[in-house]
Amino acid sequence: MKLIMNQHFQNETIAFDGFSFSNCTFSNCVILITTLDFHFESCSFFGSTLHVNPDLPIFDVSHRLSQSDYDSETRCYRDDYKYPRTKVALPSATTSSV
């Protein structure tokens, strides 16, 4: 796992998978977490959004996320971890003649 220390990320989309972050700051970032192959400690999140794969065990994810500080603008979503959100094509309506 590649270690990243003492960095400030701003307005970036970052995939956490395969990285270990220590004492980093994330401001207005989009964080993608698709596996449990990541680690971070003593990090701070400001106005960021975390998108977490909904198939990951909630206890493992919440434990890892609890090791850092977050402001009230930071959000975490488990319903759609892909960014940007995927648009699903709906079938077109058909009318039948009676």
N, C-alpha and C. Protein backbone atom coordinates (compact mmCIF):
# COMPACT_ATOMS: atom_id res chain seq x y z
N MET A 1 0.85 -1.17 0.00
CA MET A 1 0.00 0.00 0.00
C MET A 1 0.90 1.24 0.00
N LYS A 2 0.62 2.18 -0.87
CA LYS A 2 1.42 3.40 -0.97
C LYS A 2 1.01 4.38 0.12
N LEU A 3 2.00 4.91 0.88
CA LEU A 3 1.76 5.85 1.96
C LEU A 3 1.83 7.29 1.45
N ILE A 4 0.81 8.09 1.79
CA ILE A 4 0.78 9.51 1.46
C ILE A 4 0.63 10.25 2.78
N MET A 5 1.57 11.16 3.06
CA MET A 5 1.58 11.86 4.34
C MET A 5 1.57 13.38 4.17
N ASN A 6 0.87 14.05 5.10
CA ASN A 6 0.91 15.51 5.23
C ASN A 6 0.58 16.25 3.94
N GLN A 7 -0.40 15.78 3.20
CA GLN A 7 -0.80 16.42 1.95
C GLN A 7 -2.16 17.11 2.13
N HIS A 8 -2.39 18.19 1.37
CA HIS A 8 -3.68 18.85 1.36
C HIS A 8 -4.26 18.70 -0.05
N PHE A 9 -5.38 18.02 -0.14
CA PHE A 9 -6.07 17.81 -1.40
C PHE A 9 -7.26 18.75 -1.45
N GLN A 10 -7.46 19.43 -2.58
CA GLN A 10 -8.57 20.37 -2.70
C GLN A 10 -9.23 20.21 -4.06
N ASN A 11 -10.58 20.09 -4.05
CA ASN A 11 -11.38 19.98 -5.29
C ASN A 11 -10.90 18.85 -6.19
N GLU A 12 -10.64 17.70 -5.60
CA GLU A 12 -10.17 16.55 -6.37
C GLU A 12 -11.06 15.34 -6.13
N THR A 13 -11.08 14.42 -7.09
CA THR A 13 -11.71 13.13 -6.92
C THR A 13 -10.60 12.13 -6.66
N ILE A 14 -10.71 11.42 -5.54
CA ILE A 14 -9.62 10.55 -5.10
C ILE A 14 -10.15 9.16 -4.79
N ALA A 15 -9.54 8.15 -5.40
CA ALA A 15 -9.87 6.76 -5.09
C ALA A 15 -8.94 6.32 -3.96
N PHE A 16 -9.51 5.97 -2.81
CA PHE A 16 -8.72 5.57 -1.65
C PHE A 16 -8.09 4.19 -1.80
N ASP A 17 -8.66 3.35 -2.64
CA ASP A 17 -8.23 1.96 -2.75
C ASP A 17 -6.74 1.86 -3.07
N GLY A 18 -6.03 1.08 -2.22
CA GLY A 18 -4.61 0.84 -2.43
C GLY A 18 -3.70 1.88 -1.80
N PHE A 19 -4.26 2.84 -1.05
CA PHE A 19 -3.45 3.90 -0.46
C PHE A 19 -3.64 3.97 1.04
N SER A 20 -2.62 4.48 1.71
CA SER A 20 -2.67 4.77 3.13
C SER A 20 -2.38 6.27 3.29
N PHE A 21 -3.31 6.98 3.92
CA PHE A 21 -3.18 8.42 4.11
C PHE A 21 -2.94 8.71 5.58
N SER A 22 -1.95 9.55 5.87
CA SER A 22 -1.65 9.92 7.24
C SER A 22 -1.52 11.44 7.35
N ASN A 23 -2.30 12.03 8.26
CA ASN A 23 -2.25 13.46 8.53
C ASN A 23 -2.51 14.30 7.26
N CYS A 24 -3.48 13.87 6.46
CA CYS A 24 -3.83 14.59 5.24
C CYS A 24 -5.13 15.37 5.44
N THR A 25 -5.32 16.40 4.63
CA THR A 25 -6.53 17.21 4.66
C THR A 25 -7.20 17.12 3.30
N PHE A 26 -8.53 16.92 3.31
CA PHE A 26 -9.31 16.83 2.08
C PHE A 26 -10.38 17.92 2.12
N SER A 27 -10.29 18.90 1.23
CA SER A 27 -11.24 20.01 1.18
C SER A 27 -12.02 19.95 -0.12
N ASN A 28 -13.35 19.87 0.00
CA ASN A 28 -14.24 19.82 -1.17
C ASN A 28 -13.84 18.73 -2.16
N CYS A 29 -13.53 17.57 -1.63
CA CYS A 29 -13.12 16.43 -2.47
C CYS A 29 -14.23 15.41 -2.57
N VAL A 30 -14.15 14.60 -3.59
CA VAL A 30 -15.00 13.42 -3.73
C VAL A 30 -14.10 12.22 -3.50
N ILE A 31 -14.46 11.42 -2.50
CA ILE A 31 -13.66 10.26 -2.11
C ILE A 31 -14.40 9.00 -2.53
N LEU A 32 -13.73 8.14 -3.29
CA LEU A 32 -14.32 6.88 -3.74
C LEU A 32 -13.70 5.73 -2.96
N ILE A 33 -14.55 4.93 -2.33
CA ILE A 33 -14.08 3.77 -1.58
C ILE A 33 -14.82 2.55 -2.13
N THR A 34 -14.11 1.72 -2.90
CA THR A 34 -14.76 0.57 -3.52
C THR A 34 -14.34 -0.76 -2.90
N THR A 35 -13.22 -0.76 -2.15
CA THR A 35 -12.76 -1.96 -1.45
C THR A 35 -12.28 -1.54 -0.05
N LEU A 36 -11.93 -2.52 0.76
CA LEU A 36 -11.37 -2.22 2.08
C LEU A 36 -9.85 -2.15 2.04
N ASP A 37 -9.28 -2.08 0.87
CA ASP A 37 -7.83 -2.01 0.69
C ASP A 37 -7.37 -0.55 0.78
N PHE A 38 -7.59 0.08 1.94
CA PHE A 38 -7.13 1.45 2.18
C PHE A 38 -6.97 1.64 3.67
N HIS A 39 -6.26 2.71 4.02
CA HIS A 39 -6.09 3.05 5.43
C HIS A 39 -5.87 4.56 5.51
N PHE A 40 -6.43 5.17 6.55
CA PHE A 40 -6.08 6.57 6.82
C PHE A 40 -6.22 6.85 8.30
N GLU A 41 -5.36 7.74 8.77
CA GLU A 41 -5.38 8.10 10.18
C GLU A 41 -5.03 9.58 10.33
N SER A 42 -5.64 10.21 11.33
CA SER A 42 -5.40 11.63 11.63
C SER A 42 -5.62 12.53 10.43
N CYS A 43 -6.61 12.20 9.61
CA CYS A 43 -6.94 13.04 8.46
C CYS A 43 -8.13 13.93 8.80
N SER A 44 -8.31 14.99 8.02
CA SER A 44 -9.43 15.91 8.21
C SER A 44 -10.15 16.09 6.88
N PHE A 45 -11.49 16.14 6.97
CA PHE A 45 -12.33 16.28 5.79
C PHE A 45 -13.21 17.52 5.95
N PHE A 46 -13.19 18.39 4.95
CA PHE A 46 -13.98 19.62 4.96
C PHE A 46 -14.79 19.71 3.67
N GLY A 47 -16.12 19.73 3.80
CA GLY A 47 -16.99 19.88 2.65
C GLY A 47 -16.81 18.81 1.59
N SER A 48 -16.43 17.63 2.00
CA SER A 48 -16.17 16.55 1.05
C SER A 48 -17.32 15.55 1.03
N THR A 49 -17.32 14.70 0.02
CA THR A 49 -18.33 13.65 -0.12
C THR A 49 -17.62 12.33 -0.28
N LEU A 50 -18.01 11.36 0.55
CA LEU A 50 -17.44 10.03 0.46
C LEU A 50 -18.49 9.10 -0.15
N HIS A 51 -18.12 8.42 -1.22
CA HIS A 51 -19.00 7.45 -1.87
C HIS A 51 -18.42 6.07 -1.59
N VAL A 52 -19.19 5.25 -0.88
CA VAL A 52 -18.71 3.94 -0.42
C VAL A 52 -19.52 2.83 -1.10
N ASN A 53 -18.82 1.84 -1.58
CA ASN A 53 -19.46 0.67 -2.19
C ASN A 53 -20.44 0.07 -1.18
N PRO A 54 -21.72 -0.03 -1.52
CA PRO A 54 -22.72 -0.54 -0.57
C PRO A 54 -22.53 -2.02 -0.22
N ASP A 55 -21.68 -2.74 -0.94
CA ASP A 55 -21.44 -4.15 -0.63
C ASP A 55 -20.40 -4.35 0.47
N LEU A 56 -19.72 -3.29 0.88
CA LEU A 56 -18.71 -3.41 1.93
C LEU A 56 -19.38 -3.51 3.30
N PRO A 57 -18.80 -4.28 4.23
CA PRO A 57 -19.37 -4.43 5.57
C PRO A 57 -19.40 -3.08 6.30
N ILE A 58 -20.57 -2.69 6.79
CA ILE A 58 -20.76 -1.37 7.40
C ILE A 58 -19.86 -1.18 8.63
N PHE A 59 -19.66 -2.23 9.43
CA PHE A 59 -18.82 -2.09 10.62
C PHE A 59 -17.38 -1.76 10.23
N ASP A 60 -16.83 -2.47 9.25
CA ASP A 60 -15.46 -2.22 8.82
C ASP A 60 -15.30 -0.81 8.26
N VAL A 61 -16.25 -0.38 7.47
CA VAL A 61 -16.19 0.97 6.88
C VAL A 61 -16.30 2.03 7.97
N SER A 62 -17.29 1.90 8.85
CA SER A 62 -17.48 2.92 9.88
C SER A 62 -16.30 2.99 10.84
N HIS A 63 -15.69 1.85 11.14
CA HIS A 63 -14.51 1.85 12.01
C HIS A 63 -13.37 2.64 11.36
N ARG A 64 -13.13 2.40 10.09
CA ARG A 64 -12.06 3.12 9.40
C ARG A 64 -12.35 4.61 9.32
N LEU A 65 -13.61 4.96 9.04
CA LEU A 65 -13.97 6.37 8.92
C LEU A 65 -13.92 7.09 10.26
N SER A 66 -14.10 6.36 11.34
CA SER A 66 -14.12 7.00 12.67
C SER A 66 -12.74 7.44 13.13
N GLN A 67 -11.71 7.11 12.42
CA GLN A 67 -10.34 7.44 12.82
C GLN A 67 -9.91 8.85 12.41
N SER A 68 -10.83 9.65 11.85
CA SER A 68 -10.48 10.99 11.36
C SER A 68 -11.54 12.00 11.77
N ASP A 69 -11.31 13.27 11.42
CA ASP A 69 -12.22 14.37 11.76
C ASP A 69 -12.97 14.84 10.52
N TYR A 70 -14.23 15.23 10.72
CA TYR A 70 -15.09 15.67 9.63
C TYR A 70 -15.84 16.93 10.04
N ASP A 71 -16.07 17.84 9.10
CA ASP A 71 -16.91 18.99 9.42
C ASP A 71 -18.36 18.65 9.09
N SER A 72 -19.27 19.55 9.41
CA SER A 72 -20.70 19.27 9.21
C SER A 72 -21.11 19.26 7.75
N GLU A 73 -20.26 19.70 6.85
CA GLU A 73 -20.56 19.71 5.41
C GLU A 73 -20.13 18.42 4.71
N THR A 74 -19.40 17.58 5.38
CA THR A 74 -18.93 16.34 4.77
C THR A 74 -20.02 15.28 4.88
N ARG A 75 -20.26 14.57 3.78
CA ARG A 75 -21.31 13.56 3.72
C ARG A 75 -20.73 12.23 3.26
N CYS A 76 -21.38 11.16 3.70
CA CYS A 76 -20.97 9.82 3.30
C CYS A 76 -22.20 9.10 2.74
N TYR A 77 -22.06 8.52 1.55
CA TYR A 77 -23.16 7.83 0.89
C TYR A 77 -22.77 6.39 0.61
N ARG A 78 -23.70 5.47 0.88
CA ARG A 78 -23.48 4.06 0.57
C ARG A 78 -24.39 3.61 -0.56
N ASP A 79 -25.28 4.46 -1.02
CA ASP A 79 -26.25 4.03 -2.03
C ASP A 79 -25.70 4.07 -3.45
N ASP A 80 -24.70 4.89 -3.70
CA ASP A 80 -24.16 4.99 -5.06
C ASP A 80 -22.71 5.44 -4.95
N TYR A 81 -21.78 4.50 -5.05
CA TYR A 81 -20.39 4.84 -4.88
C TYR A 81 -19.71 5.26 -6.17
N LYS A 82 -20.43 5.25 -7.27
CA LYS A 82 -19.85 5.66 -8.54
C LYS A 82 -20.02 7.17 -8.68
N TYR A 83 -19.03 7.82 -9.24
CA TYR A 83 -19.11 9.27 -9.44
C TYR A 83 -18.66 9.60 -10.83
N PRO A 84 -19.37 10.37 -11.63
CA PRO A 84 -20.67 10.92 -11.28
C PRO A 84 -21.73 9.84 -11.28
N ARG A 85 -22.87 10.18 -10.73
CA ARG A 85 -23.95 9.19 -10.61
C ARG A 85 -24.33 8.63 -11.97
N THR A 86 -24.58 7.35 -11.98
CA THR A 86 -24.95 6.68 -13.23
C THR A 86 -26.42 6.91 -13.53
N LYS A 87 -26.69 7.16 -14.78
CA LYS A 87 -28.07 7.38 -15.19
C LYS A 87 -28.59 6.07 -15.79
N VAL A 88 -29.73 5.64 -15.30
CA VAL A 88 -30.32 4.40 -15.79
C VAL A 88 -31.36 4.73 -16.85
N ALA A 89 -31.21 4.11 -18.01
CA ALA A 89 -32.17 4.34 -19.09
C ALA A 89 -33.47 3.61 -18.77
N LEU A 90 -34.56 4.31 -18.84
CA LEU A 90 -35.87 3.71 -18.59
C LEU A 90 -36.49 3.26 -19.91
N PRO A 91 -37.23 2.18 -19.88
CA PRO A 91 -37.87 1.74 -21.13
C PRO A 91 -38.91 2.78 -21.55
N SER A 92 -39.04 2.94 -22.84
CA SER A 92 -40.01 3.93 -23.33
C SER A 92 -41.42 3.36 -23.18
N ALA A 93 -42.34 4.25 -22.92
CA ALA A 93 -43.75 3.85 -22.76
C ALA A 93 -44.34 3.52 -24.13
N THR A 94 -45.14 2.49 -24.16
CA THR A 94 -45.82 2.15 -25.41
C THR A 94 -47.32 2.25 -25.18
N THR A 95 -47.98 2.65 -26.21
CA THR A 95 -49.44 2.71 -26.12
C THR A 95 -50.02 1.64 -27.02
N SER A 96 -51.03 1.02 -26.56
CA SER A 96 -51.66 -0.01 -27.39
C SER A 96 -53.00 0.50 -27.88
N SER A 97 -53.31 0.14 -29.08
CA SER A 97 -54.61 0.55 -29.62
C SER A 97 -55.62 -0.55 -29.31
N VAL A 98 -56.77 -0.14 -28.86
CA VAL A 98 -57.80 -1.09 -28.46
C VAL A 98 -58.85 -1.19 -29.51
